[in-house]
């Protein structure tokens, strides 16, 4: 009986220690996100706010950038663990030059971005852009850069492509006459469209191949992938769960509307008219041959990547 008393006391003491010990800390991942508030780039923000990443023992620190080129540099320099919405051709080019970057997911297959002019512009279509006009994209190496190069190729334009930063700074440059054709992504620009201040002259998917290509990616530094692979697996599980919630829940639309300070119907329009769920499916990189051919043509790539190089570059954690 005395022995049993000691055993029970020991169990009670162990339980006491377990109860008083702090819970294991969640893994913290730092993220650089190109373009604040776009439906396709807000997954981490909404999922974090809704507690979905916390459920997977992931805490996120979010930094917003001016575009994919800036995002990629933050990843390459190891300033952040994960980059969101880095242009695929830019990522391939950096990898080919030896940068320690890896793709851990597709971020956008096709695109909802659009290009616009002031309402008083003589341009009726992007096809009307002449040699003395300028067409905006966000940053060098971003997907918007590739899209503008696609317009120039598709329509034989002589316009100059210029980096203008995020949609807000681009809008200022268009309205002040510094740039002829600006770029944006829903919902930014909707108010100006309704007020007849601007007109859309092109959409990203007007370039036929864009609809077939995973033009933006989720990326990580190779060293992060090696050191934090298990945490990245949980990150991707939470990312996928958040996407499902974003398309199945009215709460997600309300959270998006609140985050962007827009009304619920505008949030619904952004999701339902511009961003089919397939556009932000992270599990498959599509159109790689097309992307590499464009990369070579635009002189971003010296040559297409080999299959062995692609296998090293693209390391998407499997869905479980």
C-alpha atoms as a PDB file:
ATOM      1  CA  UNK A   1       0.000   0.000   0.000  1.00  0.00           C
ATOM      2  CA  UNK A   2       2.851   2.310   0.864  1.00  0.00           C
ATOM      3  CA  UNK A   3       4.436   1.573  -2.520  1.00  0.00           C
ATOM      4  CA  UNK A   4       1.181   2.376  -4.311  1.00  0.00           C
ATOM      5  CA  UNK A   5       1.015   5.683  -2.433  1.00  0.00           C
ATOM      6  CA  UNK A   6       4.472   6.620  -3.755  1.00  0.00           C
ATOM      7  CA  UNK A   7       3.459   5.705  -7.337  1.00  0.00           C
ATOM      8  CA  UNK A   8       0.304   7.801  -7.156  1.00  0.00           C
ATOM      9  CA  UNK A   9       2.234  10.692  -5.668  1.00  0.00           C
ATOM     10  CA  UNK A  10       4.748  10.476  -8.502  1.00  0.00           C
ATOM     11  CA  UNK A  11       1.983  10.492 -11.137  1.00  0.00           C
ATOM     12  CA  UNK A  12       0.352  13.482  -9.469  1.00  0.00           C
ATOM     13  CA  UNK A  13       3.680  15.342  -9.343  1.00  0.00           C
ATOM     14  CA  UNK A  14       4.339  14.642 -13.060  1.00  0.00           C
ATOM     15  CA  UNK A  15       0.849  15.838 -13.939  1.00  0.00           C
ATOM     16  CA  UNK A  16       1.446  18.985 -11.914  1.00  0.00           C
ATOM     17  CA  UNK A  17       4.677  19.705 -13.776  1.00  0.00           C
ATOM     18  CA  UNK A  18       2.950  19.071 -17.135  1.00  0.00           C
ATOM     19  CA  UNK A  19       0.113  21.441 -16.260  1.00  0.00           C
ATOM     20  CA  UNK A  20       2.462  24.216 -15.162  1.00  0.00           C
ATOM     21  CA  UNK A  21       4.928  23.855 -18.056  1.00  0.00           C
ATOM     22  CA  UNK A  22       4.451  26.326 -20.915  1.00  0.00           C
ATOM     23  CA  UNK A  23       2.997  24.960 -24.147  1.00  0.00           C
ATOM     24  CA  UNK A  24       5.445  24.389 -26.957  1.00  0.00           C
ATOM     25  CA  UNK A  25       5.802  27.592 -28.949  1.00  0.00           C
ATOM     26  CA  UNK A  26       4.425  27.683 -32.476  1.00  0.00           C
ATOM     27  CA  UNK A  27       6.905  28.043 -35.330  1.00  0.00           C
ATOM     28  CA  UNK A  28       7.157  31.648 -36.522  1.00  0.00           C
ATOM     29  CA  UNK A  29       7.541  32.226 -40.242  1.00  0.00           C
ATOM     30  CA  UNK A  30       8.326  35.629 -41.731  1.00  0.00           C
ATOM     31  CA  UNK A  31       6.649  36.427 -45.036  1.00  0.00           C
ATOM     32  CA  UNK A  32       7.091  39.046 -47.763  1.00  0.00           C
ATOM     33  CA  UNK A  33       3.897  39.541 -49.754  1.00  0.00           C
ATOM     34  CA  UNK A  34       3.723  41.327 -53.093  1.00  0.00           C
ATOM     35  CA  UNK A  35       0.718  43.687 -53.207  1.00  0.00           C
ATOM     36  CA  UNK A  36      -1.350  44.166 -50.088  1.00  0.00           C
ATOM     37  CA  UNK A  37      -5.021  43.282 -50.282  1.00  0.00           C
ATOM     38  CA  UNK A  38      -5.275  41.371 -53.562  1.00  0.00           C
ATOM     39  CA  UNK A  39      -7.569  38.355 -53.209  1.00  0.00           C
ATOM     40  CA  UNK A  40      -4.825  35.985 -54.340  1.00  0.00           C
ATOM     41  CA  UNK A  41      -2.188  37.492 -52.040  1.00  0.00           C
ATOM     42  CA  UNK A  42      -4.349  37.856 -48.916  1.00  0.00           C
ATOM     43  CA  UNK A  43      -4.501  34.135 -48.077  1.00  0.00           C
ATOM     44  CA  UNK A  44      -1.910  34.298 -45.290  1.00  0.00           C
ATOM     45  CA  UNK A  45      -3.433  37.456 -43.804  1.00  0.00           C
ATOM     46  CA  UNK A  46      -6.998  36.113 -43.679  1.00  0.00           C
ATOM     47  CA  UNK A  47      -5.921  32.658 -42.528  1.00  0.00           C
ATOM     48  CA  UNK A  48      -3.773  34.124 -39.774  1.00  0.00           C
ATOM     49  CA  UNK A  49      -6.534  36.472 -38.600  1.00  0.00           C
ATOM     50  CA  UNK A  50      -9.022  33.571 -38.596  1.00  0.00           C
ATOM     51  CA  UNK A  51      -6.736  31.348 -36.488  1.00  0.00           C
ATOM     52  CA  UNK A  52      -6.233  28.722 -39.194  1.00  0.00           C
ATOM     53  CA  UNK A  53      -2.433  28.950 -39.185  1.00  0.00           C
ATOM     54  CA  UNK A  54      -2.394  28.935 -35.384  1.00  0.00           C
ATOM     55  CA  UNK A  55      -4.316  25.657 -35.496  1.00  0.00           C
ATOM     56  CA  UNK A  56      -1.355  24.251 -37.423  1.00  0.00           C
ATOM     57  CA  UNK A  57       1.124  25.690 -34.879  1.00  0.00           C
ATOM     58  CA  UNK A  58       2.278  28.431 -37.240  1.00  0.00           C
ATOM     59  CA  UNK A  59       2.621  32.119 -36.356  1.00  0.00           C
ATOM     60  CA  UNK A  60       3.106  34.532 -39.232  1.00  0.00           C
ATOM     61  CA  UNK A  61       4.941  37.853 -39.441  1.00  0.00           C
ATOM     62  CA  UNK A  62       3.764  39.646 -42.582  1.00  0.00           C
ATOM     63  CA  UNK A  63       5.623  42.284 -44.585  1.00  0.00           C
ATOM     64  CA  UNK A  64       4.099  43.848 -47.713  1.00  0.00           C
ATOM     65  CA  UNK A  65       6.263  44.797 -50.694  1.00  0.00           C
ATOM     66  CA  UNK A  66       5.887  46.808 -53.903  1.00  0.00           C
ATOM     67  CA  UNK A  67       5.904  43.708 -56.104  1.00  0.00           C
ATOM     68  CA  UNK A  68       7.318  40.301 -56.938  1.00  0.00           C
ATOM     69  CA  UNK A  69      10.855  41.475 -57.635  1.00  0.00           C
ATOM     70  CA  UNK A  70      11.149  43.074 -54.204  1.00  0.00           C
ATOM     71  CA  UNK A  71       9.582  39.996 -52.616  1.00  0.00           C
ATOM     72  CA  UNK A  72      12.100  37.685 -54.259  1.00  0.00           C
ATOM     73  CA  UNK A  73      15.039  39.769 -53.070  1.00  0.00           C
ATOM     74  CA  UNK A  74      13.786  39.528 -49.484  1.00  0.00           C
ATOM     75  CA  UNK A  75      13.727  35.725 -49.803  1.00  0.00           C
ATOM     76  CA  UNK A  76      17.121  35.464 -51.495  1.00  0.00           C
ATOM     77  CA  UNK A  77      18.722  37.638 -48.805  1.00  0.00           C
ATOM     78  CA  UNK A  78      17.168  35.443 -46.085  1.00  0.00           C
ATOM     79  CA  UNK A  79      15.326  38.450 -44.639  1.00  0.00           C
ATOM     80  CA  UNK A  80      12.111  36.407 -44.720  1.00  0.00           C
ATOM     81  CA  UNK A  81      11.235  32.722 -44.835  1.00  0.00           C
ATOM     82  CA  UNK A  82       8.508  32.793 -47.504  1.00  0.00           C
ATOM     83  CA  UNK A  83       7.706  35.071 -50.429  1.00  0.00           C
ATOM     84  CA  UNK A  84       4.217  35.395 -51.890  1.00  0.00           C
ATOM     85  CA  UNK A  85       3.439  36.374 -55.501  1.00  0.00           C
ATOM     86  CA  UNK A  86       6.943  36.307 -56.959  1.00  0.00           C
ATOM     87  CA  UNK A  87       6.894  36.234 -60.778  1.00  0.00           C
ATOM     88  CA  UNK A  88       7.755  32.749 -62.013  1.00  0.00           C
ATOM     89  CA  UNK A  89      10.060  33.842 -64.841  1.00  0.00           C
ATOM     90  CA  UNK A  90      11.940  36.088 -62.437  1.00  0.00           C
ATOM     91  CA  UNK A  91      12.297  33.195 -59.973  1.00  0.00           C
ATOM     92  CA  UNK A  92      13.563  30.876 -62.714  1.00  0.00           C
ATOM     93  CA  UNK A  93      16.073  33.494 -63.841  1.00  0.00           C
ATOM     94  CA  UNK A  94      17.374  34.020 -60.317  1.00  0.00           C
ATOM     95  CA  UNK A  95      17.678  30.255 -59.790  1.00  0.00           C
ATOM     96  CA  UNK A  96      19.555  29.856 -63.092  1.00  0.00           C
ATOM     97  CA  UNK A  97      22.036  32.482 -61.921  1.00  0.00           C
ATOM     98  CA  UNK A  98      22.638  30.541 -58.694  1.00  0.00           C
ATOM     99  CA  UNK A  99      20.256  32.234 -56.253  1.00  0.00           C
ATOM    100  CA  UNK A 100      19.184  29.944 -53.371  1.00  0.00           C
ATOM    101  CA  UNK A 101      15.469  30.166 -54.160  1.00  0.00           C
ATOM    102  CA  UNK A 102      12.899  27.345 -54.266  1.00  0.00           C
ATOM    103  CA  UNK A 103       9.248  27.245 -55.340  1.00  0.00           C
ATOM    104  CA  UNK A 104       7.020  25.729 -52.633  1.00  0.00           C
ATOM    105  CA  UNK A 105       3.703  26.396 -54.354  1.00  0.00           C
ATOM    106  CA  UNK A 106       1.919  27.975 -57.288  1.00  0.00           C
ATOM    107  CA  UNK A 107       0.410  31.307 -56.251  1.00  0.00           C
ATOM    108  CA  UNK A 108      -1.516  32.351 -59.365  1.00  0.00           C
ATOM    109  CA  UNK A 109      -2.311  30.428 -62.547  1.00  0.00           C
ATOM    110  CA  UNK A 110      -3.664  33.051 -64.899  1.00  0.00           C
ATOM    111  CA  UNK A 111      -4.150  36.557 -63.495  1.00  0.00           C
ATOM    112  CA  UNK A 112      -6.837  39.095 -62.602  1.00  0.00           C
ATOM    113  CA  UNK A 113      -4.625  42.167 -63.138  1.00  0.00           C
ATOM    114  CA  UNK A 114      -5.836  44.822 -65.539  1.00  0.00           C
ATOM    115  CA  UNK A 115      -4.337  47.794 -67.392  1.00  0.00           C
ATOM    116  CA  UNK A 116      -6.095  51.136 -67.671  1.00  0.00           C
ATOM    117  CA  UNK A 117      -5.839  54.724 -68.913  1.00  0.00           C
ATOM    118  CA  UNK A 118      -7.292  58.034 -67.802  1.00  0.00           C
ATOM    119  CA  UNK A 119     -10.785  58.596 -69.144  1.00  0.00           C
ATOM    120  CA  UNK A 120      -9.543  61.430 -71.359  1.00  0.00           C
ATOM    121  CA  UNK A 121      -6.816  59.269 -72.953  1.00  0.00           C
ATOM    122  CA  UNK A 122      -6.998  58.801 -76.736  1.00  0.00           C
ATOM    123  CA  UNK A 123      -6.139  55.094 -76.249  1.00  0.00           C
ATOM    124  CA  UNK A 124      -9.160  52.820 -76.658  1.00  0.00           C
ATOM    125  CA  UNK A 125      -7.209  49.585 -76.331  1.00  0.00           C
ATOM    126  CA  UNK A 126      -3.720  48.479 -75.360  1.00  0.00           C
ATOM    127  CA  UNK A 127      -3.272  47.783 -79.086  1.00  0.00           C
ATOM    128  CA  UNK A 128      -3.395  51.538 -79.707  1.00  0.00           C
ATOM    129  CA  UNK A 129      -0.300  52.220 -77.594  1.00  0.00           C
ATOM    130  CA  UNK A 130       2.296  53.898 -79.793  1.00  0.00           C
ATOM    131  CA  UNK A 131       6.065  54.270 -79.567  1.00  0.00           C
ATOM    132  CA  UNK A 132       5.813  57.432 -77.487  1.00  0.00           C
ATOM    133  CA  UNK A 133       3.638  55.810 -74.788  1.00  0.00           C
ATOM    134  CA  UNK A 134       4.554  54.090 -71.531  1.00  0.00           C
ATOM    135  CA  UNK A 135       2.995  50.956 -70.019  1.00  0.00           C
ATOM    136  CA  UNK A 136       3.334  50.249 -66.299  1.00  0.00           C
ATOM    137  CA  UNK A 137       4.314  47.124 -64.408  1.00  0.00           C
ATOM    138  CA  UNK A 138       5.133  46.751 -60.722  1.00  0.00           C
ATOM    139  CA  UNK A 139       8.812  45.763 -60.355  1.00  0.00           C
ATOM    140  CA  UNK A 140      11.501  44.103 -62.481  1.00  0.00           C
ATOM    141  CA  UNK A 141      11.022  40.344 -62.523  1.00  0.00           C
ATOM    142  CA  UNK A 142       7.407  40.522 -61.349  1.00  0.00           C
ATOM    143  CA  UNK A 143       4.577  38.766 -63.170  1.00  0.00           C
ATOM    144  CA  UNK A 144       3.214  42.137 -64.295  1.00  0.00           C
ATOM    145  CA  UNK A 145       6.557  42.702 -66.026  1.00  0.00           C
ATOM    146  CA  UNK A 146       6.079  39.446 -67.956  1.00  0.00           C
ATOM    147  CA  UNK A 147       2.494  40.356 -68.847  1.00  0.00           C
ATOM    148  CA  UNK A 148       3.492  43.741 -70.265  1.00  0.00           C
ATOM    149  CA  UNK A 149       6.250  42.085 -72.298  1.00  0.00           C
ATOM    150  CA  UNK A 150       3.528  39.688 -73.466  1.00  0.00           C
ATOM    151  CA  UNK A 151       1.386  42.614 -74.665  1.00  0.00           C
ATOM    152  CA  UNK A 152       4.356  44.105 -76.500  1.00  0.00           C
ATOM    153  CA  UNK A 153       5.050  40.788 -78.238  1.00  0.00           C
ATOM    154  CA  UNK A 154       1.401  39.876 -78.933  1.00  0.00           C
ATOM    155  CA  UNK A 155       0.443  43.207 -80.453  1.00  0.00           C
ATOM    156  CA  UNK A 156       3.807  44.330 -81.843  1.00  0.00           C
ATOM    157  CA  UNK A 157       3.855  47.410 -79.613  1.00  0.00           C
ATOM    158  CA  UNK A 158       6.737  49.888 -79.525  1.00  0.00           C
ATOM    159  CA  UNK A 159       5.758  51.285 -76.110  1.00  0.00           C
ATOM    160  CA  UNK A 160       8.215  51.567 -73.256  1.00  0.00           C
ATOM    161  CA  UNK A 161       7.583  49.306 -70.247  1.00  0.00           C
ATOM    162  CA  UNK A 162       8.241  51.139 -66.954  1.00  0.00           C
ATOM    163  CA  UNK A 163       8.255  49.949 -63.304  1.00  0.00           C
ATOM    164  CA  UNK A 164       5.787  51.973 -61.212  1.00  0.00           C
ATOM    165  CA  UNK A 165       5.468  50.041 -57.939  1.00  0.00           C
ATOM    166  CA  UNK A 166       2.166  49.100 -56.343  1.00  0.00           C
ATOM    167  CA  UNK A 167      -1.329  49.957 -57.669  1.00  0.00           C
ATOM    168  CA  UNK A 168      -1.605  53.067 -55.493  1.00  0.00           C
ATOM    169  CA  UNK A 169       1.647  54.646 -56.668  1.00  0.00           C
ATOM    170  CA  UNK A 170       0.862  53.594 -60.244  1.00  0.00           C
ATOM    171  CA  UNK A 171      -2.537  55.304 -60.085  1.00  0.00           C
ATOM    172  CA  UNK A 172      -0.888  58.550 -58.964  1.00  0.00           C
ATOM    173  CA  UNK A 173       1.550  58.406 -61.869  1.00  0.00           C
ATOM    174  CA  UNK A 174      -1.227  57.765 -64.404  1.00  0.00           C
ATOM    175  CA  UNK A 175      -3.495  60.520 -63.116  1.00  0.00           C
ATOM    176  CA  UNK A 176      -0.605  63.011 -63.071  1.00  0.00           C
ATOM    177  CA  UNK A 177       0.322  62.155 -66.656  1.00  0.00           C
ATOM    178  CA  UNK A 178       3.701  60.565 -65.878  1.00  0.00           C
ATOM    179  CA  UNK A 179       2.579  57.181 -67.272  1.00  0.00           C
ATOM    180  CA  UNK A 180       0.113  56.521 -70.091  1.00  0.00           C
ATOM    181  CA  UNK A 181      -1.120  53.032 -69.203  1.00  0.00           C
ATOM    182  CA  UNK A 182      -1.300  51.960 -65.570  1.00  0.00           C
ATOM    183  CA  UNK A 183      -1.768  48.554 -64.012  1.00  0.00           C
ATOM    184  CA  UNK A 184      -3.884  47.402 -61.092  1.00  0.00           C
ATOM    185  CA  UNK A 185      -5.431  44.360 -59.481  1.00  0.00           C
ATOM    186  CA  UNK A 186      -8.916  44.069 -57.973  1.00  0.00           C
ATOM    187  CA  UNK A 187     -10.241  45.686 -55.888  1.00  0.00           C
ATOM    188  CA  UNK A 188      -7.877  48.671 -56.315  1.00  0.00           C
ATOM    189  CA  UNK A 189      -9.193  50.966 -59.019  1.00  0.00           C
ATOM    190  CA  UNK A 190     -12.852  49.943 -58.762  1.00  0.00           C
ATOM    191  CA  UNK A 191     -13.825  53.300 -57.244  1.00  0.00           C
ATOM    192  CA  UNK A 192     -12.067  55.186 -60.032  1.00  0.00           C
ATOM    193  CA  UNK A 193     -13.777  52.999 -62.629  1.00  0.00           C
ATOM    194  CA  UNK A 194     -17.210  53.697 -61.130  1.00  0.00           C
ATOM    195  CA  UNK A 195     -16.410  57.426 -61.030  1.00  0.00           C
ATOM    196  CA  UNK A 196     -15.388  57.304 -64.716  1.00  0.00           C
ATOM    197  CA  UNK A 197     -11.872  58.523 -63.918  1.00  0.00           C
ATOM    198  CA  UNK A 198     -10.217  55.594 -65.696  1.00  0.00           C
ATOM    199  CA  UNK A 199     -10.994  53.029 -68.413  1.00  0.00           C
ATOM    200  CA  UNK A 200      -9.740  49.435 -68.692  1.00  0.00           C
ATOM    201  CA  UNK A 201      -7.831  48.857 -71.938  1.00  0.00           C
ATOM    202  CA  UNK A 202      -6.466  45.349 -71.285  1.00  0.00           C
ATOM    203  CA  UNK A 203      -6.698  42.415 -68.907  1.00  0.00           C
ATOM    204  CA  UNK A 204      -3.871  40.015 -68.089  1.00  0.00           C
ATOM    205  CA  UNK A 205      -5.717  37.051 -69.557  1.00  0.00           C
ATOM    206  CA  UNK A 206      -5.993  38.840 -72.918  1.00  0.00           C
ATOM    207  CA  UNK A 207      -2.563  37.334 -73.576  1.00  0.00           C
ATOM    208  CA  UNK A 208      -3.662  33.782 -74.528  1.00  0.00           C
ATOM    209  CA  UNK A 209      -0.831  31.894 -72.860  1.00  0.00           C
ATOM    210  CA  UNK A 210      -1.251  33.668 -69.501  1.00  0.00           C
ATOM    211  CA  UNK A 211      -4.403  31.656 -68.730  1.00  0.00           C
ATOM    212  CA  UNK A 212      -2.361  28.443 -68.976  1.00  0.00           C
ATOM    213  CA  UNK A 213       0.614  29.575 -66.898  1.00  0.00           C
ATOM    214  CA  UNK A 214       1.399  29.659 -63.194  1.00  0.00           C
ATOM    215  CA  UNK A 215       2.772  33.167 -63.469  1.00  0.00           C
ATOM    216  CA  UNK A 216       3.323  33.784 -59.727  1.00  0.00           C
ATOM    217  CA  UNK A 217       4.719  31.548 -57.031  1.00  0.00           C
ATOM    218  CA  UNK A 218       5.199  30.919 -53.335  1.00  0.00           C
ATOM    219  CA  UNK A 219       8.946  30.781 -52.699  1.00  0.00           C
ATOM    220  CA  UNK A 220      11.418  30.048 -49.921  1.00  0.00           C
ATOM    221  CA  UNK A 221      15.172  30.255 -49.509  1.00  0.00           C
ATOM    222  CA  UNK A 222      16.855  26.874 -50.004  1.00  0.00           C
ATOM    223  CA  UNK A 223      18.324  27.048 -46.497  1.00  0.00           C
ATOM    224  CA  UNK A 224      14.869  27.687 -45.023  1.00  0.00           C
ATOM    225  CA  UNK A 225      13.497  24.681 -46.881  1.00  0.00           C
ATOM    226  CA  UNK A 226      16.274  22.567 -45.407  1.00  0.00           C
ATOM    227  CA  UNK A 227      15.989  23.883 -41.843  1.00  0.00           C
ATOM    228  CA  UNK A 228      12.219  24.330 -41.582  1.00  0.00           C
ATOM    229  CA  UNK A 229      10.788  21.719 -43.925  1.00  0.00           C
ATOM    230  CA  UNK A 230       8.331  20.349 -41.359  1.00  0.00           C
ATOM    231  CA  UNK A 231       7.100  23.855 -40.517  1.00  0.00           C
ATOM    232  CA  UNK A 232       6.689  24.610 -44.227  1.00  0.00           C
ATOM    233  CA  UNK A 233       4.636  21.420 -44.598  1.00  0.00           C
ATOM    234  CA  UNK A 234       2.296  22.717 -41.875  1.00  0.00           C
ATOM    235  CA  UNK A 235       2.292  26.171 -43.463  1.00  0.00           C
ATOM    236  CA  UNK A 236       1.117  24.721 -46.769  1.00  0.00           C
ATOM    237  CA  UNK A 237      -1.556  22.648 -45.023  1.00  0.00           C
ATOM    238  CA  UNK A 238      -2.880  25.826 -43.387  1.00  0.00           C
ATOM    239  CA  UNK A 239      -2.594  27.737 -46.679  1.00  0.00           C
ATOM    240  CA  UNK A 240      -4.717  25.131 -48.480  1.00  0.00           C
ATOM    241  CA  UNK A 241      -7.265  25.062 -45.660  1.00  0.00           C
ATOM    242  CA  UNK A 242      -7.519  28.861 -45.782  1.00  0.00           C
ATOM    243  CA  UNK A 243      -8.213  28.802 -49.538  1.00  0.00           C
ATOM    244  CA  UNK A 244     -11.041  26.302 -49.014  1.00  0.00           C
ATOM    245  CA  UNK A 245     -12.500  28.573 -46.318  1.00  0.00           C
ATOM    246  CA  UNK A 246     -12.176  31.665 -48.538  1.00  0.00           C
ATOM    247  CA  UNK A 247     -14.425  30.086 -51.186  1.00  0.00           C
ATOM    248  CA  UNK A 248     -16.877  28.335 -48.866  1.00  0.00           C
ATOM    249  CA  UNK A 249     -17.523  30.923 -46.161  1.00  0.00           C
ATOM    250  CA  UNK A 250     -19.375  34.214 -45.982  1.00  0.00           C
ATOM    251  CA  UNK A 251     -17.153  35.009 -42.988  1.00  0.00           C
ATOM    252  CA  UNK A 252     -14.119  35.028 -45.300  1.00  0.00           C
ATOM    253  CA  UNK A 253     -15.761  37.576 -47.606  1.00  0.00           C
ATOM    254  CA  UNK A 254     -16.622  39.765 -44.632  1.00  0.00           C
ATOM    255  CA  UNK A 255     -13.042  39.514 -43.348  1.00  0.00           C
ATOM    256  CA  UNK A 256     -11.695  40.450 -46.789  1.00  0.00           C
ATOM    257  CA  UNK A 257     -14.079  43.393 -47.067  1.00  0.00           C
ATOM    258  CA  UNK A 258     -13.059  44.630 -43.625  1.00  0.00           C
ATOM    259  CA  UNK A 259      -9.339  44.248 -44.340  1.00  0.00           C
ATOM    260  CA  UNK A 260      -9.614  46.239 -47.584  1.00  0.00           C
ATOM    261  CA  UNK A 261     -12.237  48.683 -46.287  1.00  0.00           C
ATOM    262  CA  UNK A 262     -14.644  47.838 -49.090  1.00  0.00           C
ATOM    263  CA  UNK A 263     -18.291  46.777 -49.067  1.00  0.00           C
ATOM    264  CA  UNK A 264     -19.321  43.124 -49.046  1.00  0.00           C
ATOM    265  CA  UNK A 265     -20.707  43.146 -52.591  1.00  0.00           C
ATOM    266  CA  UNK A 266     -17.421  44.499 -53.966  1.00  0.00           C
ATOM    267  CA  UNK A 267     -15.571  41.754 -52.107  1.00  0.00           C
ATOM    268  CA  UNK A 268     -17.928  39.194 -53.640  1.00  0.00           C
ATOM    269  CA  UNK A 269     -17.379  40.683 -57.099  1.00  0.00           C
ATOM    270  CA  UNK A 270     -13.598  40.472 -56.685  1.00  0.00           C
ATOM    271  CA  UNK A 271     -13.769  36.793 -55.731  1.00  0.00           C
ATOM    272  CA  UNK A 272     -16.513  35.557 -58.038  1.00  0.00           C
ATOM    273  CA  UNK A 273     -15.721  37.550 -61.205  1.00  0.00           C
ATOM    274  CA  UNK A 274     -11.938  37.834 -61.097  1.00  0.00           C
ATOM    275  CA  UNK A 275     -10.537  34.955 -59.006  1.00  0.00           C
ATOM    276  CA  UNK A 276     -11.855  31.445 -59.693  1.00  0.00           C
ATOM    277  CA  UNK A 277     -10.561  29.024 -57.096  1.00  0.00           C
ATOM    278  CA  UNK A 278      -8.392  27.307 -59.699  1.00  0.00           C
ATOM    279  CA  UNK A 279      -6.430  30.548 -60.109  1.00  0.00           C
ATOM    280  CA  UNK A 280      -4.949  30.305 -56.616  1.00  0.00           C
ATOM    281  CA  UNK A 281      -4.558  26.508 -56.396  1.00  0.00           C
ATOM    282  CA  UNK A 282      -1.039  26.058 -54.955  1.00  0.00           C
ATOM    283  CA  UNK A 283      -0.558  22.399 -55.821  1.00  0.00           C
ATOM    284  CA  UNK A 284       0.474  22.458 -59.496  1.00  0.00           C
ATOM    285  CA  UNK A 285       2.856  24.608 -61.523  1.00  0.00           C
ATOM    286  CA  UNK A 286       1.345  24.859 -65.015  1.00  0.00           C
ATOM    287  CA  UNK A 287       2.718  26.029 -68.345  1.00  0.00           C
ATOM    288  CA  UNK A 288       6.387  25.673 -67.460  1.00  0.00           C
ATOM    289  CA  UNK A 289       7.484  25.140 -71.073  1.00  0.00           C
ATOM    290  CA  UNK A 290       5.618  28.293 -72.136  1.00  0.00           C
ATOM    291  CA  UNK A 291       7.104  30.294 -69.271  1.00  0.00           C
ATOM    292  CA  UNK A 292      10.636  29.173 -70.062  1.00  0.00           C
ATOM    293  CA  UNK A 293      10.204  29.957 -73.764  1.00  0.00           C
ATOM    294  CA  UNK A 294       9.016  33.450 -72.829  1.00  0.00           C
ATOM    295  CA  UNK A 295      11.904  33.811 -70.394  1.00  0.00           C
ATOM    296  CA  UNK A 296      14.392  33.039 -73.139  1.00  0.00           C
ATOM    297  CA  UNK A 297      12.633  35.338 -75.611  1.00  0.00           C
ATOM    298  CA  UNK A 298      12.551  38.209 -73.095  1.00  0.00           C
ATOM    299  CA  UNK A 299      16.242  37.507 -72.304  1.00  0.00           C
ATOM    300  CA  UNK A 300      15.499  36.767 -68.653  1.00  0.00           C
ATOM    301  CA  UNK A 301      16.714  33.176 -69.092  1.00  0.00           C
ATOM    302  CA  UNK A 302      19.885  32.167 -70.920  1.00  0.00           C
ATOM    303  CA  UNK A 303      18.238  28.850 -71.836  1.00  0.00           C
ATOM    304  CA  UNK A 304      15.317  26.707 -70.618  1.00  0.00           C
ATOM    305  CA  UNK A 305      15.867  24.915 -67.335  1.00  0.00           C
ATOM    306  CA  UNK A 306      16.516  21.178 -67.533  1.00  0.00           C
ATOM    307  CA  UNK A 307      14.154  18.706 -65.879  1.00  0.00           C
ATOM    308  CA  UNK A 308      16.790  18.116 -63.188  1.00  0.00           C
ATOM    309  CA  UNK A 309      16.928  21.856 -62.496  1.00  0.00           C
ATOM    310  CA  UNK A 310      13.123  22.064 -62.361  1.00  0.00           C
ATOM    311  CA  UNK A 311      13.044  19.174 -59.892  1.00  0.00           C
ATOM    312  CA  UNK A 312      15.476  21.095 -57.669  1.00  0.00           C
ATOM    313  CA  UNK A 313      13.680  24.419 -58.051  1.00  0.00           C
ATOM    314  CA  UNK A 314      10.091  23.209 -57.536  1.00  0.00           C
ATOM    315  CA  UNK A 315       9.560  21.481 -54.194  1.00  0.00           C
ATOM    316  CA  UNK A 316       5.861  21.774 -53.343  1.00  0.00           C
ATOM    317  CA  UNK A 317       4.984  19.998 -50.072  1.00  0.00           C
ATOM    318  CA  UNK A 318       2.455  17.246 -50.896  1.00  0.00           C
ATOM    319  CA  UNK A 319      -1.181  17.615 -49.866  1.00  0.00           C
ATOM    320  CA  UNK A 320      -1.977  15.284 -46.951  1.00  0.00           C
END
